[in-house]
Amino acid sequence: MSPRRRDSSSTAAARAGRRAELLATAAEVFASRGYAATTVREVADAAGMLGGSLYYHFDSKEAMVDEILSTFLTDMWAAYDRVTGSGLGARETFHALIAESFRMIDRYRPAVVIYQNESKHLAANPRFTYLAESMRRFREMWLSVLDRGVLDGEFRADLDTGLIYRFIRDTVWVAASWYRSDGPLSADEIARQYIVMVLEGITAD
């Protein structure tokens, strides 16, 4: 490789790294202050740069939150698709989906908070139509797993699967509001205990 090409590659890598850092900072600011209430200047201040310099990397605040959410959802659905395409039974699929969900919270906690708090508002913007599609797909995936579990005799038939789905959706993802990667329990351990509580309860035998 010529020196010019090496320099060009190094510059591109540095810019990509800086872009990733800025997105991580923006995600933390949006999650803590709210997307609508946060200005580009506040993101720039948190990143330790001038407000105008941020536009070198992103043309708008909207572009930043779009990349934050789309990156998170792309990774989440890649993980979910691996699980649902692996041929596992309903109970094992339940286990694996819960585990992947908590891993997503560990990896993308600020993005999850933004997704929870801002999705309904952002979905009205044509740029974010994929948010409503993701919500629909998420519901269909879980209902499919739960209904299959009932038909296979792995889950109780006297419980409403729609109610179970809403319980799972709300109790899993709300963990993003309190989860800390440096906390006493890892994401995998939290997932394990969550599965035990849901499938076995908390009362002692």
N, C-alpha and C. Protein backbone atom coordinates (compact mmCIF):
# COMPACT_ATOMS: atom_id res chain seq x y z
N MET A 1 0.85 -1.19 0.00
CA MET A 1 0.00 0.00 0.00
C MET A 1 0.88 1.24 0.00
N SER A 2 0.53 2.22 -0.83
CA SER A 2 1.31 3.44 -0.91
C SER A 2 1.11 4.29 0.32
N PRO A 3 2.09 5.17 0.62
CA PRO A 3 1.94 6.07 1.78
C PRO A 3 0.67 6.89 1.72
N ARG A 4 0.30 7.33 0.50
CA ARG A 4 -0.91 8.14 0.36
C ARG A 4 -2.15 7.35 0.75
N ARG A 5 -2.20 6.09 0.31
CA ARG A 5 -3.35 5.25 0.66
C ARG A 5 -3.40 4.96 2.16
N ARG A 6 -2.22 4.74 2.76
CA ARG A 6 -2.19 4.50 4.20
C ARG A 6 -2.68 5.73 4.95
N ASP A 7 -2.26 6.90 4.53
CA ASP A 7 -2.70 8.13 5.18
C ASP A 7 -4.20 8.31 5.03
N SER A 8 -4.72 8.00 3.85
CA SER A 8 -6.15 8.14 3.60
C SER A 8 -6.95 7.18 4.47
N SER A 9 -6.46 5.93 4.58
CA SER A 9 -7.14 4.93 5.40
C SER A 9 -7.11 5.33 6.87
N SER A 10 -5.97 5.85 7.31
CA SER A 10 -5.84 6.28 8.69
C SER A 10 -6.77 7.43 9.01
N THR A 11 -6.88 8.36 8.07
CA THR A 11 -7.78 9.50 8.26
C THR A 11 -9.24 9.05 8.33
N ALA A 12 -9.61 8.13 7.44
CA ALA A 12 -10.99 7.62 7.43
C ALA A 12 -11.31 6.88 8.72
N ALA A 13 -10.35 6.09 9.22
CA ALA A 13 -10.56 5.35 10.46
C ALA A 13 -10.70 6.31 11.64
N ALA A 14 -9.88 7.36 11.63
CA ALA A 14 -9.95 8.34 12.72
C ALA A 14 -11.29 9.06 12.70
N ARG A 15 -11.74 9.40 11.50
CA ARG A 15 -13.03 10.09 11.41
C ARG A 15 -14.17 9.18 11.85
N ALA A 16 -14.12 7.90 11.45
CA ALA A 16 -15.15 6.95 11.85
C ALA A 16 -15.15 6.77 13.36
N GLY A 17 -13.95 6.73 13.95
CA GLY A 17 -13.86 6.59 15.40
C GLY A 17 -14.42 7.80 16.11
N ARG A 18 -14.12 8.99 15.59
CA ARG A 18 -14.65 10.21 16.19
C ARG A 18 -16.16 10.28 16.05
N ARG A 19 -16.65 9.84 14.90
CA ARG A 19 -18.10 9.83 14.67
C ARG A 19 -18.80 8.92 15.68
N ALA A 20 -18.21 7.75 15.92
CA ALA A 20 -18.78 6.81 16.88
C ALA A 20 -18.78 7.41 18.29
N GLU A 21 -17.71 8.10 18.65
CA GLU A 21 -17.64 8.75 19.95
C GLU A 21 -18.73 9.81 20.09
N LEU A 22 -18.92 10.59 19.04
CA LEU A 22 -19.94 11.64 19.08
C LEU A 22 -21.35 11.05 19.21
N LEU A 23 -21.59 9.95 18.51
CA LEU A 23 -22.90 9.30 18.61
C LEU A 23 -23.14 8.77 20.02
N ALA A 24 -22.10 8.20 20.62
CA ALA A 24 -22.22 7.69 21.98
C ALA A 24 -22.54 8.82 22.95
N THR A 25 -21.87 9.96 22.77
CA THR A 25 -22.13 11.12 23.61
C THR A 25 -23.54 11.64 23.39
N ALA A 26 -23.93 11.77 22.12
CA ALA A 26 -25.27 12.26 21.80
C ALA A 26 -26.35 11.35 22.40
N ALA A 27 -26.13 10.04 22.32
CA ALA A 27 -27.10 9.09 22.87
C ALA A 27 -27.27 9.30 24.37
N GLU A 28 -26.17 9.50 25.08
CA GLU A 28 -26.25 9.73 26.52
C GLU A 28 -27.01 11.03 26.83
N VAL A 29 -26.74 12.07 26.06
CA VAL A 29 -27.40 13.35 26.30
C VAL A 29 -28.89 13.26 25.97
N PHE A 30 -29.24 12.67 24.83
CA PHE A 30 -30.64 12.52 24.46
C PHE A 30 -31.39 11.68 25.49
N ALA A 31 -30.74 10.63 25.98
CA ALA A 31 -31.39 9.74 26.94
C ALA A 31 -31.63 10.45 28.28
N SER A 32 -30.69 11.27 28.71
CA SER A 32 -30.82 11.90 30.02
C SER A 32 -31.67 13.17 29.99
N ARG A 33 -31.61 13.93 28.89
CA ARG A 33 -32.32 15.21 28.84
C ARG A 33 -33.59 15.18 27.99
N GLY A 34 -33.72 14.16 27.15
CA GLY A 34 -34.85 14.11 26.22
C GLY A 34 -34.43 14.66 24.88
N TYR A 35 -34.85 14.00 23.82
CA TYR A 35 -34.43 14.40 22.47
C TYR A 35 -34.91 15.81 22.12
N ALA A 36 -36.20 16.08 22.33
CA ALA A 36 -36.76 17.37 21.94
C ALA A 36 -36.13 18.52 22.71
N ALA A 37 -35.78 18.29 23.96
CA ALA A 37 -35.25 19.36 24.80
C ALA A 37 -33.76 19.60 24.60
N THR A 38 -33.09 18.71 23.90
CA THR A 38 -31.64 18.80 23.72
C THR A 38 -31.30 19.57 22.45
N THR A 39 -30.38 20.50 22.55
CA THR A 39 -29.92 21.24 21.38
C THR A 39 -28.62 20.65 20.86
N VAL A 40 -28.30 20.98 19.60
CA VAL A 40 -27.03 20.55 19.02
C VAL A 40 -25.87 21.13 19.84
N ARG A 41 -26.04 22.34 20.31
CA ARG A 41 -24.99 22.98 21.12
C ARG A 41 -24.71 22.18 22.39
N GLU A 42 -25.75 21.65 23.01
CA GLU A 42 -25.56 20.86 24.23
C GLU A 42 -24.82 19.56 23.94
N VAL A 43 -25.12 18.95 22.81
CA VAL A 43 -24.39 17.73 22.43
C VAL A 43 -22.93 18.07 22.18
N ALA A 44 -22.69 19.16 21.48
CA ALA A 44 -21.32 19.59 21.20
C ALA A 44 -20.57 19.89 22.49
N ASP A 45 -21.22 20.58 23.42
CA ASP A 45 -20.59 20.89 24.71
C ASP A 45 -20.20 19.60 25.44
N ALA A 46 -21.11 18.62 25.44
CA ALA A 46 -20.82 17.36 26.11
C ALA A 46 -19.67 16.62 25.45
N ALA A 47 -19.52 16.83 24.14
CA ALA A 47 -18.44 16.18 23.39
C ALA A 47 -17.15 16.98 23.44
N GLY A 48 -17.20 18.18 24.04
CA GLY A 48 -16.00 19.01 24.15
C GLY A 48 -15.58 19.64 22.84
N MET A 49 -16.57 20.09 22.05
CA MET A 49 -16.25 20.71 20.77
C MET A 49 -17.19 21.88 20.51
N LEU A 50 -16.88 22.71 19.53
CA LEU A 50 -17.73 23.82 19.16
C LEU A 50 -18.97 23.30 18.44
N GLY A 51 -20.09 24.00 18.64
CA GLY A 51 -21.35 23.57 18.04
C GLY A 51 -21.25 23.41 16.53
N GLY A 52 -20.59 24.36 15.88
CA GLY A 52 -20.48 24.29 14.43
C GLY A 52 -19.66 23.11 13.95
N SER A 53 -18.72 22.67 14.77
CA SER A 53 -17.85 21.56 14.38
C SER A 53 -18.63 20.24 14.29
N LEU A 54 -19.72 20.16 15.04
CA LEU A 54 -20.51 18.93 15.02
C LEU A 54 -21.11 18.68 13.64
N TYR A 55 -21.39 19.77 12.92
CA TYR A 55 -22.00 19.63 11.59
C TYR A 55 -21.03 19.06 10.56
N TYR A 56 -19.77 18.97 10.91
CA TYR A 56 -18.80 18.32 10.03
C TYR A 56 -19.09 16.83 9.95
N HIS A 57 -19.68 16.29 11.02
CA HIS A 57 -19.98 14.86 11.09
C HIS A 57 -21.45 14.55 10.84
N PHE A 58 -22.36 15.42 11.26
CA PHE A 58 -23.80 15.18 11.14
C PHE A 58 -24.49 16.46 10.67
N ASP A 59 -25.44 16.33 9.78
CA ASP A 59 -26.08 17.53 9.26
C ASP A 59 -27.21 18.04 10.14
N SER A 60 -27.61 17.25 11.15
CA SER A 60 -28.69 17.69 12.02
C SER A 60 -28.77 16.80 13.26
N LYS A 61 -29.51 17.28 14.24
CA LYS A 61 -29.78 16.48 15.43
C LYS A 61 -30.60 15.25 15.05
N GLU A 62 -31.50 15.42 14.09
CA GLU A 62 -32.32 14.32 13.60
C GLU A 62 -31.46 13.20 13.02
N ALA A 63 -30.41 13.57 12.30
CA ALA A 63 -29.52 12.58 11.70
C ALA A 63 -28.81 11.77 12.78
N MET A 64 -28.47 12.42 13.88
CA MET A 64 -27.80 11.71 14.96
C MET A 64 -28.72 10.68 15.61
N VAL A 65 -29.93 11.08 15.96
CA VAL A 65 -30.83 10.14 16.63
C VAL A 65 -31.26 9.03 15.67
N ASP A 66 -31.35 9.35 14.38
CA ASP A 66 -31.68 8.33 13.38
C ASP A 66 -30.61 7.24 13.36
N GLU A 67 -29.34 7.65 13.34
CA GLU A 67 -28.26 6.66 13.31
C GLU A 67 -28.18 5.89 14.62
N ILE A 68 -28.42 6.55 15.74
CA ILE A 68 -28.41 5.87 17.04
C ILE A 68 -29.46 4.77 17.08
N LEU A 69 -30.69 5.10 16.69
CA LEU A 69 -31.79 4.14 16.77
C LEU A 69 -31.69 3.06 15.70
N SER A 70 -31.33 3.43 14.50
CA SER A 70 -31.26 2.42 13.43
C SER A 70 -30.14 1.42 13.68
N THR A 71 -29.03 1.88 14.24
CA THR A 71 -27.93 0.96 14.57
C THR A 71 -28.36 -0.03 15.64
N PHE A 72 -29.00 0.47 16.68
CA PHE A 72 -29.50 -0.39 17.75
C PHE A 72 -30.50 -1.41 17.21
N LEU A 73 -31.47 -0.97 16.44
CA LEU A 73 -32.51 -1.88 15.96
C LEU A 73 -31.97 -2.89 14.95
N THR A 74 -31.05 -2.49 14.13
CA THR A 74 -30.44 -3.43 13.18
C THR A 74 -29.73 -4.55 13.93
N ASP A 75 -28.98 -4.20 14.97
CA ASP A 75 -28.27 -5.20 15.75
C ASP A 75 -29.26 -6.08 16.52
N MET A 76 -30.28 -5.46 17.08
CA MET A 76 -31.28 -6.23 17.83
C MET A 76 -31.97 -7.25 16.95
N TRP A 77 -32.40 -6.83 15.76
CA TRP A 77 -33.11 -7.76 14.89
C TRP A 77 -32.20 -8.84 14.31
N ALA A 78 -30.94 -8.54 14.13
CA ALA A 78 -30.00 -9.57 13.70
C ALA A 78 -29.90 -10.66 14.77
N ALA A 79 -29.85 -10.23 16.04
CA ALA A 79 -29.78 -11.19 17.15
C ALA A 79 -31.08 -11.99 17.27
N TYR A 80 -32.22 -11.31 17.18
CA TYR A 80 -33.50 -11.99 17.28
C TYR A 80 -33.69 -12.98 16.12
N ASP A 81 -33.30 -12.58 14.93
CA ASP A 81 -33.47 -13.47 13.77
C ASP A 81 -32.61 -14.72 13.90
N ARG A 82 -31.42 -14.58 14.50
CA ARG A 82 -30.59 -15.77 14.74
C ARG A 82 -31.30 -16.74 15.68
N VAL A 83 -31.96 -16.19 16.68
CA VAL A 83 -32.67 -17.03 17.66
C VAL A 83 -33.87 -17.71 17.01
N THR A 84 -34.73 -16.92 16.38
CA THR A 84 -35.96 -17.49 15.83
C THR A 84 -35.71 -18.41 14.64
N GLY A 85 -34.55 -18.28 14.03
CA GLY A 85 -34.22 -19.15 12.90
C GLY A 85 -33.41 -20.37 13.26
N SER A 86 -33.19 -20.57 14.57
CA SER A 86 -32.31 -21.66 14.99
C SER A 86 -33.03 -22.97 15.26
N GLY A 87 -34.35 -22.99 15.13
CA GLY A 87 -35.09 -24.24 15.30
C GLY A 87 -35.33 -24.66 16.73
N LEU A 88 -35.20 -23.76 17.67
CA LEU A 88 -35.42 -24.08 19.07
C LEU A 88 -36.90 -24.22 19.38
N GLY A 89 -37.22 -24.94 20.45
CA GLY A 89 -38.59 -25.02 20.93
C GLY A 89 -39.01 -23.68 21.51
N ALA A 90 -40.29 -23.57 21.82
CA ALA A 90 -40.81 -22.29 22.31
C ALA A 90 -40.16 -21.85 23.61
N ARG A 91 -39.98 -22.77 24.54
CA ARG A 91 -39.39 -22.42 25.83
C ARG A 91 -37.93 -21.97 25.66
N GLU A 92 -37.17 -22.69 24.84
CA GLU A 92 -35.77 -22.33 24.60
C GLU A 92 -35.69 -21.00 23.84
N THR A 93 -36.62 -20.79 22.93
CA THR A 93 -36.66 -19.52 22.20
C THR A 93 -36.94 -18.38 23.15
N PHE A 94 -37.87 -18.59 24.09
CA PHE A 94 -38.17 -17.59 25.11
C PHE A 94 -36.90 -17.23 25.89
N HIS A 95 -36.19 -18.24 26.35
CA HIS A 95 -34.94 -18.03 27.08
C HIS A 95 -33.96 -17.18 26.26
N ALA A 96 -33.76 -17.58 25.01
CA ALA A 96 -32.75 -16.93 24.17
C ALA A 96 -33.14 -15.49 23.83
N LEU A 97 -34.42 -15.25 23.58
CA LEU A 97 -34.86 -13.89 23.25
C LEU A 97 -34.71 -12.95 24.46
N ILE A 98 -35.02 -13.46 25.63
CA ILE A 98 -34.85 -12.64 26.84
C ILE A 98 -33.37 -12.33 27.05
N ALA A 99 -32.52 -13.33 26.88
CA ALA A 99 -31.08 -13.12 27.04
C ALA A 99 -30.57 -12.08 26.06
N GLU A 100 -30.99 -12.17 24.80
CA GLU A 100 -30.55 -11.20 23.80
C GLU A 100 -31.08 -9.80 24.12
N SER A 101 -32.27 -9.71 24.66
CA SER A 101 -32.84 -8.41 25.01
C SER A 101 -32.00 -7.71 26.07
N PHE A 102 -31.60 -8.44 27.09
CA PHE A 102 -30.78 -7.81 28.13
C PHE A 102 -29.38 -7.50 27.62
N ARG A 103 -28.88 -8.30 26.69
CA ARG A 103 -27.58 -7.97 26.08
C ARG A 103 -27.68 -6.67 25.27
N MET A 104 -28.83 -6.46 24.61
CA MET A 104 -29.03 -5.21 23.88
C MET A 104 -29.07 -4.02 24.84
N ILE A 105 -29.70 -4.21 25.99
CA ILE A 105 -29.74 -3.14 26.99
C ILE A 105 -28.33 -2.84 27.47
N ASP A 106 -27.53 -3.87 27.67
CA ASP A 106 -26.15 -3.69 28.09
C ASP A 106 -25.35 -2.93 27.03
N ARG A 107 -25.56 -3.27 25.77
CA ARG A 107 -24.77 -2.69 24.69
C ARG A 107 -25.28 -1.32 24.25
N TYR A 108 -26.60 -1.12 24.32
CA TYR A 108 -27.20 0.09 23.77
C TYR A 108 -28.13 0.79 24.77
N ARG A 109 -27.78 0.80 26.04
CA ARG A 109 -28.71 1.34 27.05
C ARG A 109 -29.27 2.72 26.69
N PRO A 110 -28.44 3.72 26.35
CA PRO A 110 -29.03 5.03 26.02
C PRO A 110 -29.98 4.97 24.82
N ALA A 111 -29.64 4.17 23.81
CA ALA A 111 -30.51 4.05 22.64
C ALA A 111 -31.84 3.42 23.03
N VAL A 112 -31.83 2.46 23.94
CA VAL A 112 -33.07 1.83 24.41
C VAL A 112 -33.94 2.85 25.13
N VAL A 113 -33.32 3.68 25.96
CA VAL A 113 -34.07 4.73 26.66
C VAL A 113 -34.69 5.70 25.66
N ILE A 114 -33.92 6.10 24.66
CA ILE A 114 -34.46 7.00 23.63
C ILE A 114 -35.61 6.32 22.89
N TYR A 115 -35.43 5.07 22.54
CA TYR A 115 -36.47 4.32 21.83
C TYR A 115 -37.76 4.28 22.64
N GLN A 116 -37.64 4.03 23.93
CA GLN A 116 -38.82 3.96 24.78
C GLN A 116 -39.50 5.31 24.92
N ASN A 117 -38.71 6.35 25.13
CA ASN A 117 -39.26 7.66 25.44
C ASN A 117 -39.69 8.47 24.22
N GLU A 118 -39.06 8.24 23.09
CA GLU A 118 -39.24 9.12 21.94
C GLU A 118 -39.92 8.49 20.73
N SER A 119 -40.11 7.18 20.73
CA SER A 119 -40.59 6.50 19.52
C SER A 119 -41.91 7.04 19.00
N LYS A 120 -42.87 7.25 19.89
CA LYS A 120 -44.19 7.70 19.43
C LYS A 120 -44.10 9.07 18.77
N HIS A 121 -43.29 9.94 19.33
CA HIS A 121 -43.11 11.27 18.74
C HIS A 121 -42.36 11.19 17.42
N LEU A 122 -41.26 10.44 17.40
CA LEU A 122 -40.43 10.37 16.21
C LEU A 122 -41.13 9.65 15.06
N ALA A 123 -41.96 8.67 15.38
CA ALA A 123 -42.61 7.86 14.34
C ALA A 123 -43.52 8.69 13.44
N ALA A 124 -43.91 9.87 13.89
CA ALA A 124 -44.74 10.75 13.05
C ALA A 124 -43.93 11.37 11.92
N ASN A 125 -42.61 11.31 12.04
CA ASN A 125 -41.71 11.85 11.02
C ASN A 125 -41.46 10.76 9.98
N PRO A 126 -41.66 11.03 8.68
CA PRO A 126 -41.45 10.01 7.64
C PRO A 126 -40.08 9.35 7.71
N ARG A 127 -39.09 10.05 8.25
CA ARG A 127 -37.75 9.48 8.33
C ARG A 127 -37.70 8.30 9.29
N PHE A 128 -38.65 8.24 10.22
CA PHE A 128 -38.60 7.23 11.27
C PHE A 128 -39.75 6.24 11.18
N THR A 129 -40.25 6.00 9.99
CA THR A 129 -41.34 5.03 9.84
C THR A 129 -40.91 3.63 10.27
N TYR A 130 -39.62 3.36 10.24
CA TYR A 130 -39.13 2.04 10.64
C TYR A 130 -39.38 1.75 12.12
N LEU A 131 -39.61 2.78 12.93
CA LEU A 131 -39.88 2.55 14.35
C LEU A 131 -41.22 1.83 14.55
N ALA A 132 -42.25 2.29 13.86
CA ALA A 132 -43.55 1.63 13.95
C ALA A 132 -43.48 0.21 13.40
N GLU A 133 -42.73 0.02 12.33
CA GLU A 133 -42.56 -1.31 11.75
C GLU A 133 -41.86 -2.25 12.74
N SER A 134 -40.86 -1.73 13.46
CA SER A 134 -40.16 -2.54 14.44
C SER A 134 -41.09 -2.94 15.58
N MET A 135 -41.93 -2.01 16.02
CA MET A 135 -42.88 -2.32 17.10
C MET A 135 -43.85 -3.41 16.66
N ARG A 136 -44.35 -3.30 15.44
CA ARG A 136 -45.27 -4.32 14.92
C ARG A 136 -44.59 -5.67 14.83
N ARG A 137 -43.38 -5.68 14.31
CA ARG A 137 -42.63 -6.92 14.15
C ARG A 137 -42.31 -7.55 15.50
N PHE A 138 -41.98 -6.72 16.48
CA PHE A 138 -41.67 -7.20 17.82
C PHE A 138 -42.88 -7.91 18.43
N ARG A 139 -44.04 -7.30 18.30
CA ARG A 139 -45.27 -7.89 18.84
C ARG A 139 -45.57 -9.22 18.16
N GLU A 140 -45.47 -9.26 16.84
CA GLU A 140 -45.76 -10.50 16.11
C GLU A 140 -44.78 -11.60 16.48
N MET A 141 -43.52 -11.26 16.67
CA MET A 141 -42.53 -12.27 17.04
C MET A 141 -42.87 -12.91 18.37
N TRP A 142 -43.15 -12.07 19.37
CA TRP A 142 -43.42 -12.61 20.70
C TRP A 142 -44.73 -13.39 20.73
N LEU A 143 -45.77 -12.90 20.08
CA LEU A 143 -47.03 -13.64 20.07
C LEU A 143 -46.87 -14.98 19.38
N SER A 144 -46.06 -15.03 18.33
CA SER A 144 -45.80 -16.29 17.64
C SER A 144 -45.14 -17.30 18.57
N VAL A 145 -44.14 -16.84 19.33
CA VAL A 145 -43.44 -17.73 20.26
C VAL A 145 -44.38 -18.20 21.37
N LEU A 146 -45.14 -17.28 21.93
CA LEU A 146 -46.03 -17.62 23.03
C LEU A 146 -47.17 -18.54 22.58
N ASP A 147 -47.77 -18.25 21.43
CA ASP A 147 -48.85 -19.10 20.92
C ASP A 147 -48.32 -20.50 20.60
N ARG A 148 -47.11 -20.58 20.04
CA ARG A 148 -46.52 -21.89 19.74
C ARG A 148 -46.28 -22.67 21.03
N GLY A 149 -45.84 -21.96 22.07
CA GLY A 149 -45.62 -22.62 23.35
C GLY A 149 -46.89 -23.18 23.95
N VAL A 150 -47.99 -22.46 23.79
CA VAL A 150 -49.29 -22.95 24.27
C VAL A 150 -49.71 -24.19 23.49
N LEU A 151 -49.60 -24.12 22.17
CA LEU A 151 -49.99 -25.26 21.32
C LEU A 151 -49.14 -26.50 21.60
N ASP A 152 -47.86 -26.28 21.92
CA ASP A 152 -46.95 -27.40 22.19
C ASP A 152 -47.03 -27.89 23.63
N GLY A 153 -47.85 -27.24 24.44
CA GLY A 153 -47.99 -27.64 25.84
C GLY A 153 -46.85 -27.18 26.73
N GLU A 154 -46.02 -26.25 26.26
CA GLU A 154 -44.91 -25.76 27.06
C GLU A 154 -45.30 -24.56 27.94
N PHE A 155 -46.32 -23.82 27.52
CA PHE A 155 -46.83 -22.69 28.28
C PHE A 155 -48.29 -22.93 28.63
N ARG A 156 -48.72 -22.33 29.71
CA ARG A 156 -50.10 -22.51 30.18
C ARG A 156 -51.10 -21.95 29.17
N ALA A 157 -52.19 -22.70 28.99
CA ALA A 157 -53.21 -22.30 28.02
C ALA A 157 -54.27 -21.40 28.64
N ASP A 158 -54.27 -21.25 29.99
CA ASP A 158 -55.30 -20.45 30.63
C ASP A 158 -54.91 -18.98 30.78
N LEU A 159 -53.74 -18.59 30.25
CA LEU A 159 -53.29 -17.21 30.31
C LEU A 159 -53.36 -16.58 28.93
N ASP A 160 -53.71 -15.32 28.89
CA ASP A 160 -53.83 -14.59 27.63
C ASP A 160 -52.44 -14.24 27.10
N THR A 161 -52.12 -14.71 25.90
CA THR A 161 -50.77 -14.47 25.37
C THR A 161 -50.53 -12.99 25.07
N GLY A 162 -51.59 -12.25 24.75
CA GLY A 162 -51.43 -10.82 24.54
C GLY A 162 -51.01 -10.11 25.82
N LEU A 163 -51.57 -10.54 26.94
CA LEU A 163 -51.20 -9.96 28.23
C LEU A 163 -49.76 -10.34 28.59
N ILE A 164 -49.40 -11.60 28.34
CA ILE A 164 -48.02 -12.04 28.62
C ILE A 164 -47.04 -11.22 27.79
N TYR A 165 -47.38 -11.01 26.52
CA TYR A 165 -46.50 -10.21 25.65
C TYR A 165 -46.30 -8.80 26.22
N ARG A 166 -47.38 -8.15 26.62
CA ARG A 166 -47.26 -6.78 27.16
C ARG A 166 -46.45 -6.76 28.44
N PHE A 167 -46.61 -7.78 29.26
CA PHE A 167 -45.84 -7.87 30.50
C PHE A 167 -44.35 -8.00 30.19
N ILE A 168 -44.02 -8.89 29.26
CA ILE A 168 -42.61 -9.08 28.88
C ILE A 168 -42.03 -7.79 28.30
N ARG A 169 -42.76 -7.20 27.36
CA ARG A 169 -42.29 -5.97 26.72
C ARG A 169 -41.97 -4.89 27.75
N ASP A 170 -42.89 -4.68 28.67
CA ASP A 170 -42.73 -3.57 29.62
C ASP A 170 -41.73 -3.87 30.72
N THR A 171 -41.68 -5.09 31.21
CA THR A 171 -40.79 -5.40 32.32
C THR A 171 -39.34 -5.60 31.90
N VAL A 172 -39.12 -6.06 30.68
CA VAL A 172 -37.75 -6.23 30.20
C VAL A 172 -37.11 -4.89 29.88
N TRP A 173 -37.76 -4.13 29.01
CA TRP A 173 -37.11 -2.93 28.48
C TRP A 173 -37.03 -1.78 29.47
N VAL A 174 -37.90 -1.79 30.50
CA VAL A 174 -37.80 -0.74 31.52
C VAL A 174 -36.48 -0.86 32.29
N ALA A 175 -35.83 -2.02 32.19
CA ALA A 175 -34.55 -2.21 32.88
C ALA A 175 -33.50 -1.22 32.40
N ALA A 176 -33.67 -0.68 31.20
CA ALA A 176 -32.71 0.30 30.70
C ALA A 176 -32.65 1.54 31.58
N SER A 177 -33.71 1.80 32.35
CA SER A 177 -33.74 2.99 33.20
C SER A 177 -32.89 2.82 34.46
N TRP A 178 -32.58 1.56 34.82
CA TRP A 178 -31.80 1.35 36.04
C TRP A 178 -30.55 0.49 35.83
N TYR A 179 -30.46 -0.20 34.72
CA TYR A 179 -29.31 -1.08 34.49
C TYR A 179 -28.01 -0.29 34.36
N ARG A 180 -26.94 -0.83 34.97
CA ARG A 180 -25.61 -0.25 34.83
C ARG A 180 -24.63 -1.38 34.51
N SER A 181 -23.80 -1.16 33.51
CA SER A 181 -22.86 -2.21 33.10
C SER A 181 -21.87 -2.56 34.20
N ASP A 182 -21.62 -1.62 35.13
CA ASP A 182 -20.70 -1.88 36.22
C ASP A 182 -21.43 -2.28 37.51
N GLY A 183 -22.70 -2.65 37.38
CA GLY A 183 -23.49 -3.05 38.53
C GLY A 183 -23.11 -4.43 39.04
N PRO A 184 -23.74 -4.87 40.13
CA PRO A 184 -23.39 -6.16 40.74
C PRO A 184 -23.78 -7.39 39.92
N LEU A 185 -24.75 -7.23 39.00
CA LEU A 185 -25.19 -8.36 38.18
C LEU A 185 -24.95 -8.05 36.71
N SER A 186 -24.42 -9.04 35.99
CA SER A 186 -24.22 -8.89 34.56
C SER A 186 -25.56 -8.96 33.83
N ALA A 187 -25.57 -8.55 32.58
CA ALA A 187 -26.79 -8.62 31.78
C ALA A 187 -27.28 -10.07 31.66
N ASP A 188 -26.37 -11.01 31.48
CA ASP A 188 -26.76 -12.42 31.37
C ASP A 188 -27.34 -12.95 32.68
N GLU A 189 -26.79 -12.50 33.80
CA GLU A 189 -27.32 -12.96 35.10
C GLU A 189 -28.69 -12.35 35.36
N ILE A 190 -28.89 -11.10 34.99
CA ILE A 190 -30.21 -10.49 35.14
C ILE A 190 -31.22 -11.23 34.27
N ALA A 191 -30.82 -11.58 33.05
CA ALA A 191 -31.71 -12.33 32.16
C ALA A 191 -32.06 -13.68 32.78
N ARG A 192 -31.07 -14.36 33.35
CA ARG A 192 -31.32 -15.67 33.97
C ARG A 192 -32.33 -15.56 35.10
N GLN A 193 -32.14 -14.56 35.96
CA GLN A 193 -33.05 -14.40 37.09
C GLN A 193 -34.44 -13.96 36.64
N TYR A 194 -34.50 -13.15 35.60
CA TYR A 194 -35.79 -12.74 35.06
C TYR A 194 -36.56 -13.96 34.55
N ILE A 195 -35.87 -14.82 33.81
CA ILE A 195 -36.52 -16.02 33.26
C ILE A 195 -37.02 -16.91 34.39
N VAL A 196 -36.23 -17.06 35.44
CA VAL A 196 -36.66 -17.87 36.59
C VAL A 196 -37.92 -17.28 37.22
N MET A 197 -37.93 -15.96 37.40
CA MET A 197 -39.09 -15.32 38.02
C MET A 197 -40.34 -15.49 37.18
N VAL A 198 -40.21 -15.35 35.86
CA VAL A 198 -41.37 -15.45 34.98
C VAL A 198 -41.86 -16.89 34.86
N LEU A 199 -40.96 -17.82 34.68
CA LEU A 199 -41.35 -19.20 34.42
C LEU A 199 -41.55 -20.04 35.69
N GLU A 200 -40.90 -19.66 36.78
CA GLU A 200 -40.99 -20.48 37.99
C GLU A 200 -41.55 -19.73 39.20
N GLY A 201 -41.61 -18.41 39.13
CA GLY A 201 -42.12 -17.62 40.25
C GLY A 201 -41.03 -17.33 41.28
N ILE A 202 -41.40 -16.65 42.37
CA ILE A 202 -40.44 -16.28 43.40
C ILE A 202 -40.70 -16.97 44.74
N THR A 203 -41.74 -17.78 44.81
CA THR A 203 -42.02 -18.47 46.07
C THR A 203 -41.14 -19.71 46.19
N ALA A 204 -40.71 -20.00 47.41
CA ALA A 204 -39.86 -21.15 47.66
C ALA A 204 -40.71 -22.42 47.64
N ASP A 205 -40.10 -23.52 47.19
CA ASP A 205 -40.81 -24.81 47.18
C ASP A 205 -41.02 -25.29 48.60
